[in-house]
Amino acid sequence: MPDSSKLKRAFFERDVLNVAPELIGKVLTVRMYDNSFSRFMINETEAYRGMEDMACHASRGKTQRNEVMFNRGGLIYVYFVYGMYWMLNFVTGTEGNPQAVLIRGITGYNGPGKLTKALGIDGSFYGIDLVTSGRIWVEDAGIRPAVKTGPRIGVDYAGEYWKNKPWRYFIKSPAPKRSLKTEK
């Protein structure tokens, strides 16, 4: 895929409530261990919006774990949960305004833990720049599926108001049948 289809910094340096739904239909490209590239359409995301959002990791301030969220948009925030899964997030917005999009689903893998396990995403991805990386990036393949919203999943701890925010985005109808090649 030509470099021109790779998402630019300006895409990520916007409010998470704009970026999260617009990531639906974009293509996540990852260099695998054998140096092949695997490409998957993003089909589900969740938005986490700053220190006021009680479901967001930044709601209690900056920590060693969430520090990357306080940087400019386009960086990767990964964290480990349940002693077994890495969660893949893309930082959005501007420096000092911590926001991130959790990647919940890609073609063939529904669930954030399943997709990171399948792609070999671990703590070594923390802080990678999606705009300049040759290891992982996002492309615009021109796919624009209808997007549906719903409440976020697994954030009951944040209270009724925050858990019921319709900040989960997913494909409304079946995604267009489009082959995403794996390349060497």
C-alpha atoms as a PDB file:
ATOM      1  CA  MET A   1       0.000   0.000   0.000  1.00  0.00           C
ATOM      2  CA  PRO A   2       1.503   3.363  -0.891  1.00  0.00           C
ATOM      3  CA  ASP A   3       2.621   5.613   1.943  1.00  0.00           C
ATOM      4  CA  SER A   4       0.028   8.210   0.899  1.00  0.00           C
ATOM      5  CA  SER A   5      -2.774   6.034   2.345  1.00  0.00           C
ATOM      6  CA  LYS A   6      -1.159   6.032   5.805  1.00  0.00           C
ATOM      7  CA  LEU A   7      -3.092   8.263   8.208  1.00  0.00           C
ATOM      8  CA  LYS A   8      -1.339  11.549   8.952  1.00  0.00           C
ATOM      9  CA  ARG A   9      -0.776  13.229  12.317  1.00  0.00           C
ATOM     10  CA  ALA A  10      -3.695  15.638  11.761  1.00  0.00           C
ATOM     11  CA  PHE A  11      -6.131  12.702  11.751  1.00  0.00           C
ATOM     12  CA  PHE A  12      -5.126  11.730  15.301  1.00  0.00           C
ATOM     13  CA  GLU A  13      -4.741  15.260  16.689  1.00  0.00           C
ATOM     14  CA  ARG A  14      -8.498  15.758  16.817  1.00  0.00           C
ATOM     15  CA  ASP A  15     -11.056  15.090  19.535  1.00  0.00           C
ATOM     16  CA  VAL A  16     -11.496  11.391  20.327  1.00  0.00           C
ATOM     17  CA  LEU A  17     -15.240  11.651  19.616  1.00  0.00           C
ATOM     18  CA  ASN A  18     -14.350  12.442  15.992  1.00  0.00           C
ATOM     19  CA  VAL A  19     -11.453  10.004  15.632  1.00  0.00           C
ATOM     20  CA  ALA A  20     -13.079   6.902  17.183  1.00  0.00           C
ATOM     21  CA  PRO A  21     -16.004   6.615  14.738  1.00  0.00           C
ATOM     22  CA  GLU A  22     -13.820   7.588  11.765  1.00  0.00           C
ATOM     23  CA  LEU A  23     -11.427   4.706  12.512  1.00  0.00           C
ATOM     24  CA  ILE A  24     -14.229   2.277  11.601  1.00  0.00           C
ATOM     25  CA  GLY A  25     -13.387   0.992   8.119  1.00  0.00           C
ATOM     26  CA  LYS A  26      -9.734   2.043   8.322  1.00  0.00           C
ATOM     27  CA  VAL A  27      -7.085  -0.648   7.918  1.00  0.00           C
ATOM     28  CA  LEU A  28      -4.724  -1.599  10.738  1.00  0.00           C
ATOM     29  CA  THR A  29      -1.423  -2.838   9.304  1.00  0.00           C
ATOM     30  CA  VAL A  30       1.064  -4.735  11.472  1.00  0.00           C
ATOM     31  CA  ARG A  31       4.494  -6.157  10.641  1.00  0.00           C
ATOM     32  CA  MET A  32       4.452  -9.734  11.902  1.00  0.00           C
ATOM     33  CA  TYR A  33       7.341 -11.750  13.340  1.00  0.00           C
ATOM     34  CA  ASP A  34       8.163 -13.250   9.933  1.00  0.00           C
ATOM     35  CA  ASN A  35       8.349  -9.713   8.428  1.00  0.00           C
ATOM     36  CA  SER A  36       5.077 -10.150   6.534  1.00  0.00           C
ATOM     37  CA  PHE A  37       2.433  -7.442   6.849  1.00  0.00           C
ATOM     38  CA  SER A  38      -1.042  -8.350   8.054  1.00  0.00           C
ATOM     39  CA  ARG A  39      -3.895  -5.967   7.312  1.00  0.00           C
ATOM     40  CA  PHE A  40      -7.250  -5.884   9.100  1.00  0.00           C
ATOM     41  CA  MET A  41     -10.237  -3.575   8.842  1.00  0.00           C
ATOM     42  CA  ILE A  42     -11.086  -1.901  12.161  1.00  0.00           C
ATOM     43  CA  ASN A  43     -14.732  -2.675  12.948  1.00  0.00           C
ATOM     44  CA  GLU A  44     -15.186  -1.610  16.586  1.00  0.00           C
ATOM     45  CA  THR A  45     -13.722   1.154  18.771  1.00  0.00           C
ATOM     46  CA  GLU A  46     -14.385   2.911  22.077  1.00  0.00           C
ATOM     47  CA  ALA A  47     -13.624   6.516  23.001  1.00  0.00           C
ATOM     48  CA  TYR A  48     -12.044   7.622  26.295  1.00  0.00           C
ATOM     49  CA  ARG A  49     -12.106  11.372  26.692  1.00  0.00           C
ATOM     50  CA  GLY A  50      -9.826  13.078  29.152  1.00  0.00           C
ATOM     51  CA  MET A  51      -9.590  13.599  32.858  1.00  0.00           C
ATOM     52  CA  GLU A  52     -13.308  14.321  33.282  1.00  0.00           C
ATOM     53  CA  ASP A  53     -14.262  10.882  31.849  1.00  0.00           C
ATOM     54  CA  MET A  54     -14.383   8.560  34.868  1.00  0.00           C
ATOM     55  CA  ALA A  55     -13.927   5.511  32.603  1.00  0.00           C
ATOM     56  CA  CYS A  56     -10.688   6.947  31.165  1.00  0.00           C
ATOM     57  CA  HIS A  57      -7.339   5.925  32.657  1.00  0.00           C
ATOM     58  CA  ALA A  58      -6.424   9.626  32.820  1.00  0.00           C
ATOM     59  CA  SER A  59      -9.317  10.455  35.177  1.00  0.00           C
ATOM     60  CA  ARG A  60      -7.009  10.146  38.190  1.00  0.00           C
ATOM     61  CA  GLY A  61      -4.172  12.111  36.633  1.00  0.00           C
ATOM     62  CA  LYS A  62      -0.895  11.242  34.972  1.00  0.00           C
ATOM     63  CA  THR A  63       0.803   7.993  36.028  1.00  0.00           C
ATOM     64  CA  GLN A  64       3.660   5.909  34.682  1.00  0.00           C
ATOM     65  CA  ARG A  65       1.072   3.612  33.068  1.00  0.00           C
ATOM     66  CA  ASN A  66      -0.933   6.301  31.221  1.00  0.00           C
ATOM     67  CA  GLU A  67       1.788   8.895  30.603  1.00  0.00           C
ATOM     68  CA  VAL A  68       1.693   8.449  26.817  1.00  0.00           C
ATOM     69  CA  MET A  69      -1.966   9.568  26.797  1.00  0.00           C
ATOM     70  CA  PHE A  70      -0.800  13.074  27.719  1.00  0.00           C
ATOM     71  CA  ASN A  71       1.231  13.336  24.485  1.00  0.00           C
ATOM     72  CA  ARG A  72       0.101  14.370  21.003  1.00  0.00           C
ATOM     73  CA  GLY A  73      -2.254  12.203  19.025  1.00  0.00           C
ATOM     74  CA  GLY A  74      -0.944   9.315  16.953  1.00  0.00           C
ATOM     75  CA  LEU A  75       0.959   7.395  19.625  1.00  0.00           C
ATOM     76  CA  ILE A  76       0.101   3.934  20.922  1.00  0.00           C
ATOM     77  CA  TYR A  77      -1.064   3.313  24.480  1.00  0.00           C
ATOM     78  CA  VAL A  78      -1.052  -0.359  25.475  1.00  0.00           C
ATOM     79  CA  TYR A  79      -1.748  -1.745  28.915  1.00  0.00           C
ATOM     80  CA  PHE A  80      -2.048  -5.223  30.438  1.00  0.00           C
ATOM     81  CA  VAL A  81      -5.309  -6.486  31.988  1.00  0.00           C
ATOM     82  CA  TYR A  82      -6.458  -9.629  33.797  1.00  0.00           C
ATOM     83  CA  GLY A  83      -2.880 -10.903  33.814  1.00  0.00           C
ATOM     84  CA  MET A  84      -3.253 -12.084  30.225  1.00  0.00           C
ATOM     85  CA  TYR A  85      -4.330  -9.439  27.663  1.00  0.00           C
ATOM     86  CA  TRP A  86      -2.807  -6.312  26.179  1.00  0.00           C
ATOM     87  CA  MET A  87      -5.264  -3.568  25.177  1.00  0.00           C
ATOM     88  CA  LEU A  88      -4.407  -1.517  22.059  1.00  0.00           C
ATOM     89  CA  ASN A  89      -5.282   2.198  22.152  1.00  0.00           C
ATOM     90  CA  PHE A  90      -4.480   5.117  19.870  1.00  0.00           C
ATOM     91  CA  VAL A  91      -3.817   8.442  21.589  1.00  0.00           C
ATOM     92  CA  THR A  92      -5.824  11.326  20.135  1.00  0.00           C
ATOM     93  CA  GLY A  93      -6.098  15.065  20.640  1.00  0.00           C
ATOM     94  CA  THR A  94      -3.397  17.513  21.583  1.00  0.00           C
ATOM     95  CA  GLU A  95      -0.572  17.327  24.098  1.00  0.00           C
ATOM     96  CA  GLY A  96      -1.775  17.683  27.684  1.00  0.00           C
ATOM     97  CA  ASN A  97      -5.363  16.632  26.837  1.00  0.00           C
ATOM     98  CA  PRO A  98      -5.371  12.854  27.468  1.00  0.00           C
ATOM     99  CA  GLN A  99      -7.688  10.975  25.125  1.00  0.00           C
ATOM    100  CA  ALA A 100      -7.491   7.543  23.531  1.00  0.00           C
ATOM    101  CA  VAL A 101      -9.396   5.136  21.307  1.00  0.00           C
ATOM    102  CA  LEU A 102      -9.522   1.497  22.352  1.00  0.00           C
ATOM    103  CA  ILE A 103      -9.443  -0.811  19.331  1.00  0.00           C
ATOM    104  CA  ARG A 104     -12.132  -3.380  20.251  1.00  0.00           C
ATOM    105  CA  GLY A 105     -12.448  -5.311  17.004  1.00  0.00           C
ATOM    106  CA  ILE A 106     -10.877  -5.980  13.604  1.00  0.00           C
ATOM    107  CA  THR A 107     -11.913  -8.320  10.803  1.00  0.00           C
ATOM    108  CA  GLY A 108     -11.666 -11.864  12.124  1.00  0.00           C
ATOM    109  CA  TYR A 109     -11.121 -10.886  15.774  1.00  0.00           C
ATOM    110  CA  ASN A 110     -13.858  -9.509  18.009  1.00  0.00           C
ATOM    111  CA  GLY A 111     -12.602  -8.464  21.405  1.00  0.00           C
ATOM    112  CA  PRO A 112      -9.606  -6.294  22.257  1.00  0.00           C
ATOM    113  CA  GLY A 113      -7.666  -9.084  23.978  1.00  0.00           C
ATOM    114  CA  LYS A 114      -8.180 -11.552  21.140  1.00  0.00           C
ATOM    115  CA  LEU A 115      -6.946  -9.130  18.494  1.00  0.00           C
ATOM    116  CA  THR A 116      -3.757  -8.158  20.353  1.00  0.00           C
ATOM    117  CA  LYS A 117      -2.966 -11.806  21.038  1.00  0.00           C
ATOM    118  CA  ALA A 118      -3.441 -12.676  17.345  1.00  0.00           C
ATOM    119  CA  LEU A 119      -1.286  -9.757  16.191  1.00  0.00           C
ATOM    120  CA  GLY A 120       1.490 -10.226  18.753  1.00  0.00           C
ATOM    121  CA  ILE A 121       0.862  -6.799  20.288  1.00  0.00           C
ATOM    122  CA  ASP A 122       2.454  -6.459  23.708  1.00  0.00           C
ATOM    123  CA  GLY A 123       4.111  -3.885  25.955  1.00  0.00           C
ATOM    124  CA  SER A 124       6.851  -3.248  23.391  1.00  0.00           C
ATOM    125  CA  PHE A 125       4.280  -1.287  21.333  1.00  0.00           C
ATOM    126  CA  TYR A 126       3.843   1.332  24.095  1.00  0.00           C
ATOM    127  CA  GLY A 127       4.592   4.800  22.719  1.00  0.00           C
ATOM    128  CA  ILE A 128       5.086   3.759  19.072  1.00  0.00           C
ATOM    129  CA  ASP A 129       4.158   6.548  16.672  1.00  0.00           C
ATOM    130  CA  LEU A 130       1.519   5.302  14.204  1.00  0.00           C
ATOM    131  CA  VAL A 131       2.459   8.071  11.773  1.00  0.00           C
ATOM    132  CA  THR A 132       6.148   7.200  11.395  1.00  0.00           C
ATOM    133  CA  SER A 133       6.330   3.525  12.396  1.00  0.00           C
ATOM    134  CA  GLY A 134       7.263   0.733  10.023  1.00  0.00           C
ATOM    135  CA  ARG A 135       5.954  -1.798  12.560  1.00  0.00           C
ATOM    136  CA  ILE A 136       2.309  -0.729  12.910  1.00  0.00           C
ATOM    137  CA  TRP A 137       0.161   1.936  11.246  1.00  0.00           C
ATOM    138  CA  VAL A 138      -3.346   2.742  10.014  1.00  0.00           C
ATOM    139  CA  GLU A 139      -4.330   3.216   6.369  1.00  0.00           C
ATOM    140  CA  ASP A 140      -7.349   4.757   4.680  1.00  0.00           C
ATOM    141  CA  ALA A 141      -8.569   2.227   2.113  1.00  0.00           C
ATOM    142  CA  GLY A 142     -11.645   4.267   1.250  1.00  0.00           C
ATOM    143  CA  ILE A 143     -14.046   1.977   3.144  1.00  0.00           C
ATOM    144  CA  ARG A 144     -16.914   3.970   4.716  1.00  0.00           C
ATOM    145  CA  PRO A 145     -19.326   1.579   6.437  1.00  0.00           C
ATOM    146  CA  ALA A 146     -22.417   2.749   8.324  1.00  0.00           C
ATOM    147  CA  VAL A 147     -21.471   3.199  11.989  1.00  0.00           C
ATOM    148  CA  LYS A 148     -23.687   2.456  14.976  1.00  0.00           C
ATOM    149  CA  THR A 149     -23.091   3.637  18.570  1.00  0.00           C
ATOM    150  CA  GLY A 150     -23.642   2.018  21.938  1.00  0.00           C
ATOM    151  CA  PRO A 151     -22.491   2.185  25.540  1.00  0.00           C
ATOM    152  CA  ARG A 152     -18.905   1.251  26.359  1.00  0.00           C
ATOM    153  CA  ILE A 153     -18.203  -2.244  27.632  1.00  0.00           C
ATOM    154  CA  GLY A 154     -16.664  -3.206  30.981  1.00  0.00           C
ATOM    155  CA  VAL A 155     -16.656   0.237  32.601  1.00  0.00           C
ATOM    156  CA  ASP A 156     -19.288  -0.226  35.320  1.00  0.00           C
ATOM    157  CA  TYR A 157     -16.759   1.149  37.833  1.00  0.00           C
ATOM    158  CA  ALA A 158     -17.143   4.605  36.225  1.00  0.00           C
ATOM    159  CA  GLY A 159     -20.757   5.024  37.357  1.00  0.00           C
ATOM    160  CA  GLU A 160     -24.037   5.102  35.445  1.00  0.00           C
ATOM    161  CA  TYR A 161     -23.441   8.415  33.658  1.00  0.00           C
ATOM    162  CA  TRP A 162     -20.034   7.470  32.231  1.00  0.00           C
ATOM    163  CA  LYS A 163     -20.714   3.805  31.518  1.00  0.00           C
ATOM    164  CA  ASN A 164     -23.791   4.697  29.478  1.00  0.00           C
ATOM    165  CA  LYS A 165     -22.077   7.230  27.220  1.00  0.00           C
ATOM    166  CA  PRO A 166     -22.682   6.049  23.620  1.00  0.00           C
ATOM    167  CA  TRP A 167     -18.961   6.140  22.891  1.00  0.00           C
ATOM    168  CA  ARG A 168     -18.613   2.639  21.441  1.00  0.00           C
ATOM    169  CA  TYR A 169     -18.643   2.597  17.645  1.00  0.00           C
ATOM    170  CA  PHE A 170     -19.162  -0.423  15.414  1.00  0.00           C
ATOM    171  CA  ILE A 171     -20.283  -1.422  11.936  1.00  0.00           C
ATOM    172  CA  LYS A 172     -24.035  -1.158  11.590  1.00  0.00           C
ATOM    173  CA  SER A 173     -24.424  -3.622   8.731  1.00  0.00           C
ATOM    174  CA  PRO A 174     -22.078  -6.272   7.411  1.00  0.00           C
ATOM    175  CA  ALA A 175     -18.794  -4.816   6.191  1.00  0.00           C
ATOM    176  CA  PRO A 176     -18.203  -4.759   2.463  1.00  0.00           C
ATOM    177  CA  LYS A 177     -16.494  -7.939   1.271  1.00  0.00           C
ATOM    178  CA  ARG A 178     -13.023  -6.685   0.534  1.00  0.00           C
ATOM    179  CA  SER A 179      -9.876  -8.752   0.587  1.00  0.00           C
ATOM    180  CA  LEU A 180      -7.079  -7.421   2.747  1.00  0.00           C
ATOM    181  CA  LYS A 181      -3.863  -9.064   1.584  1.00  0.00           C
ATOM    182  CA  THR A 182      -0.965 -10.240   3.676  1.00  0.00           C
ATOM    183  CA  GLU A 183       2.293  -9.221   2.023  1.00  0.00           C
ATOM    184  CA  LYS A 184       5.930 -10.230   2.469  1.00  0.00           C
END
